[in-house]
């Protein structure tokens, strides 16, 4: 091959490479495609995950699945460009290694309707970690390591939540938080005590709402004991009043008979 032919081939190679890139960029994109998301973090290094998949729904929303990717931290703050669209309506982060959620973690996902955080290792939820999720209707926190319901974390969320399979510790703080939460009543009924401040009283395995009906967890006293005490005191007072009434009536009868007897004696012996 002549040197002229070699030079021509070398000159045309960059053009062919550019043409190939253009053709690849124009290829059709399928409805289900991998999404590059920076979600995992180890130390100070943010790792790029390209295994999350997104599916566009008929209404234009996006379902993003990042299931089972061994993610250790969710980095969704505005300072970290991650490529997660704010049109996401369903986000699945289940079966990962998440241990905590920082404040404003999902604040940019204002259209999010369903959030699945089940089967992680969540034990710490910072105040405001669910802030901005005004469209959220379902939250799955099952199969984690949560032990308490914090009002600044879940306060204001009028949603249905799956709270099962967590080591809930039933104490005074939980009792004070429960009435102020706006969660669906069926969700709160799923909070089952794994431990309690009530020692050796069989509180383990009992739903918190049931335990609160019988016990005051802040005073560690049984509510039914107070009722029984009041009923007993009322019965004793009623019996005392009845006895006094009977005693006064009997004395009146005796006094009346004595007066009649004295009058009879006076009539027989006027002197």
Protein backbone atom coordinates (compact mmCIF):
# COMPACT_ATOMS: atom_id res chain seq x y z
CA UNK A 1 0.00 0.00 0.00
CA UNK A 2 1.33 3.42 -0.95
CA UNK A 3 1.99 6.18 1.56
CA UNK A 4 -0.68 8.33 -0.09
CA UNK A 5 -3.37 5.72 0.57
CA UNK A 6 -2.28 5.45 4.20
CA UNK A 7 -2.51 9.19 4.66
CA UNK A 8 -6.01 9.26 3.18
CA UNK A 9 -7.21 6.47 5.48
CA UNK A 10 -5.78 8.24 8.52
CA UNK A 11 -7.52 11.44 7.56
CA UNK A 12 -10.91 9.75 7.14
CA UNK A 13 -10.82 7.82 10.44
CA UNK A 14 -11.72 10.82 12.67
CA UNK A 15 -14.65 11.60 10.38
CA UNK A 16 -15.90 8.02 10.57
CA UNK A 17 -15.56 8.10 14.37
CA UNK A 18 -17.58 11.33 14.61
CA UNK A 19 -20.24 9.87 12.31
CA UNK A 20 -20.48 6.79 14.53
CA UNK A 21 -20.97 8.96 17.64
CA UNK A 22 -23.74 10.92 15.91
CA UNK A 23 -25.54 7.73 14.93
CA UNK A 24 -25.31 6.39 18.49
CA UNK A 25 -26.70 9.61 19.92
CA UNK A 26 -29.70 9.40 17.57
CA UNK A 27 -30.67 5.84 18.55
CA UNK A 28 -34.20 5.49 20.06
CA UNK A 29 -34.45 5.40 23.83
CA UNK A 30 -36.64 2.70 25.34
CA UNK A 31 -39.25 3.35 28.04
CA UNK A 32 -37.11 1.47 30.56
CA UNK A 33 -33.54 2.72 30.67
CA UNK A 34 -30.66 2.70 33.14
CA UNK A 35 -30.34 5.89 35.19
CA UNK A 36 -26.98 7.18 36.39
CA UNK A 37 -27.54 8.22 40.01
CA UNK A 38 -25.00 9.23 42.64
CA UNK A 39 -26.54 7.57 45.67
CA UNK A 40 -23.83 5.57 47.37
CA UNK A 41 -21.16 7.22 49.51
CA UNK A 42 -18.23 5.72 51.34
CA UNK A 43 -16.15 8.18 53.32
CA UNK A 44 -15.88 11.43 51.36
CA UNK A 45 -16.19 9.80 47.96
CA UNK A 46 -19.47 9.73 46.09
CA UNK A 47 -19.81 6.68 43.90
CA UNK A 48 -21.81 6.79 40.66
CA UNK A 49 -24.45 4.11 40.34
CA UNK A 50 -25.63 3.27 36.84
CA UNK A 51 -27.89 0.37 37.80
CA UNK A 52 -30.99 2.35 38.82
CA UNK A 53 -33.76 1.96 36.26
CA UNK A 54 -36.52 4.40 35.42
CA UNK A 55 -39.84 3.75 33.80
CA UNK A 56 -41.99 6.51 32.39
CA UNK A 57 -45.67 6.15 33.24
CA UNK A 58 -48.63 7.12 31.11
CA UNK A 59 -49.18 10.37 33.03
CA UNK A 60 -45.60 11.51 32.45
CA UNK A 61 -44.27 10.54 35.87
CA UNK A 62 -41.21 8.42 36.49
CA UNK A 63 -40.77 5.25 38.52
CA UNK A 64 -37.15 4.89 39.65
CA UNK A 65 -35.94 1.56 41.04
CA UNK A 66 -32.63 1.36 42.93
CA UNK A 67 -33.37 -1.94 44.65
CA UNK A 68 -30.60 -4.10 46.04
CA UNK A 69 -27.65 -1.91 45.02
CA UNK A 70 -25.99 -1.96 48.48
CA UNK A 71 -26.36 1.81 48.76
CA UNK A 72 -25.03 3.21 52.03
CA UNK A 73 -26.31 6.79 51.83
CA UNK A 74 -28.86 8.80 49.88
CA UNK A 75 -27.38 11.95 48.36
CA UNK A 76 -30.26 13.92 46.91
CA UNK A 77 -29.35 17.43 48.01
CA UNK A 78 -29.31 20.27 45.53
CA UNK A 79 -25.51 20.52 45.85
CA UNK A 80 -25.05 17.04 44.38
CA UNK A 81 -26.15 16.76 40.73
CA UNK A 82 -27.35 13.19 40.44
CA UNK A 83 -29.62 13.10 37.39
CA UNK A 84 -32.75 12.13 39.34
CA UNK A 85 -35.69 13.92 37.76
CA UNK A 86 -38.06 15.95 39.92
CA UNK A 87 -40.85 14.29 37.93
CA UNK A 88 -40.21 11.09 39.90
CA UNK A 89 -43.46 9.84 41.39
CA UNK A 90 -42.31 6.46 42.74
CA UNK A 91 -38.87 5.81 44.23
CA UNK A 92 -37.72 2.38 45.39
CA UNK A 93 -34.63 2.34 47.62
CA UNK A 94 -35.45 -0.96 49.29
CA UNK A 95 -33.01 -3.77 50.08
CA UNK A 96 -29.97 -1.54 50.49
CA UNK A 97 -27.63 -0.66 53.37
CA UNK A 98 -29.01 2.74 54.36
CA UNK A 99 -28.52 3.52 58.06
CA UNK A 100 -29.72 7.15 58.28
CA UNK A 101 -31.51 9.91 56.40
CA UNK A 102 -30.35 13.51 56.55
CA UNK A 103 -32.62 16.55 56.63
CA UNK A 104 -34.17 17.59 53.29
CA UNK A 105 -33.06 14.35 51.66
CA UNK A 106 -36.06 14.23 49.32
CA UNK A 107 -37.06 17.90 49.30
CA UNK A 108 -36.58 18.25 45.52
CA UNK A 109 -38.98 15.38 44.75
CA UNK A 110 -42.17 17.37 45.29
CA UNK A 111 -44.21 15.05 43.02
CA UNK A 112 -43.19 11.88 44.83
CA UNK A 113 -46.23 9.75 45.64
CA UNK A 114 -44.64 6.52 46.91
CA UNK A 115 -41.33 6.00 48.72
CA UNK A 116 -40.04 2.53 49.57
CA UNK A 117 -37.24 2.39 52.16
CA UNK A 118 -37.96 -1.11 53.42
CA UNK A 119 -35.35 -3.79 54.15
CA UNK A 120 -32.57 -1.37 55.03
CA UNK A 121 -30.71 -0.72 58.28
CA UNK A 122 -32.29 2.63 59.13
CA UNK A 123 -31.90 3.50 62.79
CA UNK A 124 -31.65 7.30 62.61
CA UNK A 125 -34.00 9.72 60.86
CA UNK A 126 -32.99 13.36 61.16
CA UNK A 127 -35.61 16.05 61.66
CA UNK A 128 -37.07 17.14 58.34
CA UNK A 129 -35.76 14.21 56.31
CA UNK A 130 -39.20 13.92 54.65
CA UNK A 131 -39.70 17.68 54.32
CA UNK A 132 -41.14 18.81 50.99
CA UNK A 133 -42.95 15.55 50.19
CA UNK A 134 -46.36 17.22 49.96
CA UNK A 135 -47.62 14.70 47.38
CA UNK A 136 -46.52 11.61 49.29
CA UNK A 137 -49.30 9.11 50.04
CA UNK A 138 -47.41 5.93 50.98
CA UNK A 139 -44.15 5.43 52.90
CA UNK A 140 -42.64 2.00 53.54
CA UNK A 141 -40.25 1.89 56.52
CA UNK A 142 -40.73 -1.78 57.33
CA UNK A 143 -37.88 -4.16 58.15
CA UNK A 144 -35.50 -1.54 59.52
CA UNK A 145 -33.98 -0.76 62.93
CA UNK A 146 -36.19 2.14 64.04
CA UNK A 147 -36.97 2.26 67.74
CA UNK A 148 -38.88 5.51 68.25
CA UNK A 149 -41.38 7.76 66.44
CA UNK A 150 -40.08 11.33 66.44
CA UNK A 151 -42.65 14.08 65.90
CA UNK A 152 -40.24 16.38 63.96
CA UNK A 153 -39.57 13.49 61.56
CA UNK A 154 -43.07 12.22 60.79
CA UNK A 155 -45.08 15.23 61.93
CA UNK A 156 -47.32 16.71 59.26
CA UNK A 157 -47.30 13.62 57.03
CA UNK A 158 -50.93 12.67 56.39
CA UNK A 159 -50.09 9.39 54.72
CA UNK A 160 -50.32 5.65 55.01
CA UNK A 161 -47.10 4.10 56.28
CA UNK A 162 -45.83 0.56 56.74
CA UNK A 163 -44.02 0.55 60.09
CA UNK A 164 -43.92 -3.18 60.75
CA UNK A 165 -40.88 -5.23 61.72
CA UNK A 166 -38.98 -2.52 63.59
CA UNK A 167 -37.65 -2.84 67.16
CA UNK A 168 -39.95 -0.17 68.61
CA UNK A 169 -39.21 0.89 72.19
CA UNK A 170 -42.49 1.85 73.88
CA UNK A 171 -41.87 4.61 76.40
CA UNK A 172 -43.19 7.99 77.51
CA UNK A 173 -41.77 9.76 74.44
CA UNK A 174 -43.62 7.39 72.13
CA UNK A 175 -46.85 7.86 74.09
CA UNK A 176 -46.63 11.65 73.78
CA UNK A 177 -45.81 11.52 70.05
CA UNK A 178 -48.54 9.12 68.97
CA UNK A 179 -51.59 11.44 69.41
CA UNK A 180 -49.85 14.25 67.48
CA UNK A 181 -49.02 12.19 64.40
CA UNK A 182 -51.33 12.51 61.40
CA UNK A 183 -50.47 9.08 60.02
CA UNK A 184 -53.23 6.72 58.97
CA UNK A 185 -54.66 4.98 62.10
CA UNK A 186 -53.99 1.56 60.59
CA UNK A 187 -50.32 2.54 60.26
CA UNK A 188 -50.03 3.42 63.96
CA UNK A 189 -51.72 0.15 64.88
CA UNK A 190 -48.76 -1.66 63.31
CA UNK A 191 -46.29 -0.24 65.83
CA UNK A 192 -45.65 -3.31 67.98
CA UNK A 193 -43.48 -3.00 71.11
CA UNK A 194 -40.19 -4.90 71.03
CA UNK A 195 -39.03 -3.36 74.33
CA UNK A 196 -40.66 -1.15 76.95
CA UNK A 197 -39.94 0.87 80.08
CA UNK A 198 -42.47 -1.31 81.87
CA UNK A 199 -40.35 -4.12 83.38
CA UNK A 200 -41.63 -7.68 83.35
CA UNK A 201 -45.20 -6.70 82.52
CA UNK A 202 -45.64 -8.52 79.23
CA UNK A 203 -45.54 -5.41 77.04
CA UNK A 204 -43.39 -7.11 74.41
CA UNK A 205 -45.35 -8.07 71.31
CA UNK A 206 -48.29 -5.77 72.13
CA UNK A 207 -49.28 -2.91 69.76
CA UNK A 208 -48.50 0.48 71.29
CA UNK A 209 -52.07 1.74 70.85
CA UNK A 210 -53.35 -1.23 72.87
CA UNK A 211 -50.70 -0.77 75.56
CA UNK A 212 -51.58 2.92 75.91
CA UNK A 213 -55.21 2.03 76.63
CA UNK A 214 -54.20 0.16 79.79
CA UNK A 215 -50.99 1.89 80.87
CA UNK A 216 -49.69 5.39 81.44
CA UNK A 217 -46.14 4.94 80.14
CA UNK A 218 -44.98 8.26 81.59
CA UNK A 219 -46.00 7.29 85.14
CA UNK A 220 -45.60 3.52 84.71
CA UNK A 221 -49.00 2.97 86.33
CA UNK A 222 -51.95 1.00 85.10
CA UNK A 223 -54.89 3.10 83.99
CA UNK A 224 -57.35 0.33 84.91
CA UNK A 225 -55.95 0.38 88.47
CA UNK A 226 -57.08 3.98 88.86
CA UNK A 227 -60.56 3.08 87.64
CA UNK A 228 -60.81 0.17 90.06
CA UNK A 229 -59.64 2.40 92.89
CA UNK A 230 -62.26 5.02 92.10
CA UNK A 231 -65.00 2.42 91.87
CA UNK A 232 -63.93 0.90 95.19
CA UNK A 233 -63.89 4.30 96.91
CA UNK A 234 -67.34 5.08 95.52
CA UNK A 235 -68.72 1.79 96.85
CA UNK A 236 -67.24 2.40 100.31
CA UNK A 237 -68.68 5.92 100.36
CA UNK A 238 -72.07 4.62 99.27
CA UNK A 239 -72.03 1.97 102.00
CA UNK A 240 -71.02 4.60 104.59
CA UNK A 241 -73.88 6.89 103.57
CA UNK A 242 -76.33 4.00 103.72
CA UNK A 243 -75.10 3.04 107.18
CA UNK A 244 -75.39 6.61 108.47
CA UNK A 245 -78.91 6.88 107.07
CA UNK A 246 -79.88 3.58 108.69
CA UNK A 247 -78.26 4.64 111.98
CA UNK A 248 -80.10 7.97 112.04
CA UNK A 249 -83.41 6.33 111.19
CA UNK A 250 -82.98 3.73 113.93
CA UNK A 251 -82.05 6.41 116.47
CA UNK A 252 -85.09 8.41 115.49
CA UNK A 253 -87.31 5.38 116.05
CA UNK A 254 -85.71 4.69 119.47
CA UNK A 255 -85.96 8.34 120.44
CA UNK A 256 -89.61 8.42 119.41
CA UNK A 257 -90.40 5.32 121.51
CA UNK A 258 -88.60 6.83 124.51
CA UNK A 259 -90.56 10.07 124.22
CA UNK A 260 -93.84 8.15 123.98
CA UNK A 261 -92.89 6.13 127.03
CA UNK A 262 -92.10 9.28 129.02
CA UNK A 263 -95.42 10.82 128.00
CA UNK A 264 -97.18 7.64 129.10
CA UNK A 265 -95.51 7.78 132.52
CA UNK A 266 -96.46 11.42 132.95
CA UNK A 267 -100.09 10.68 132.13
CA UNK A 268 -100.21 7.90 134.75
CA UNK A 269 -98.45 9.89 137.47
CA UNK A 270 -99.09 13.60 137.08
CA UNK A 271 -97.20 14.40 140.30
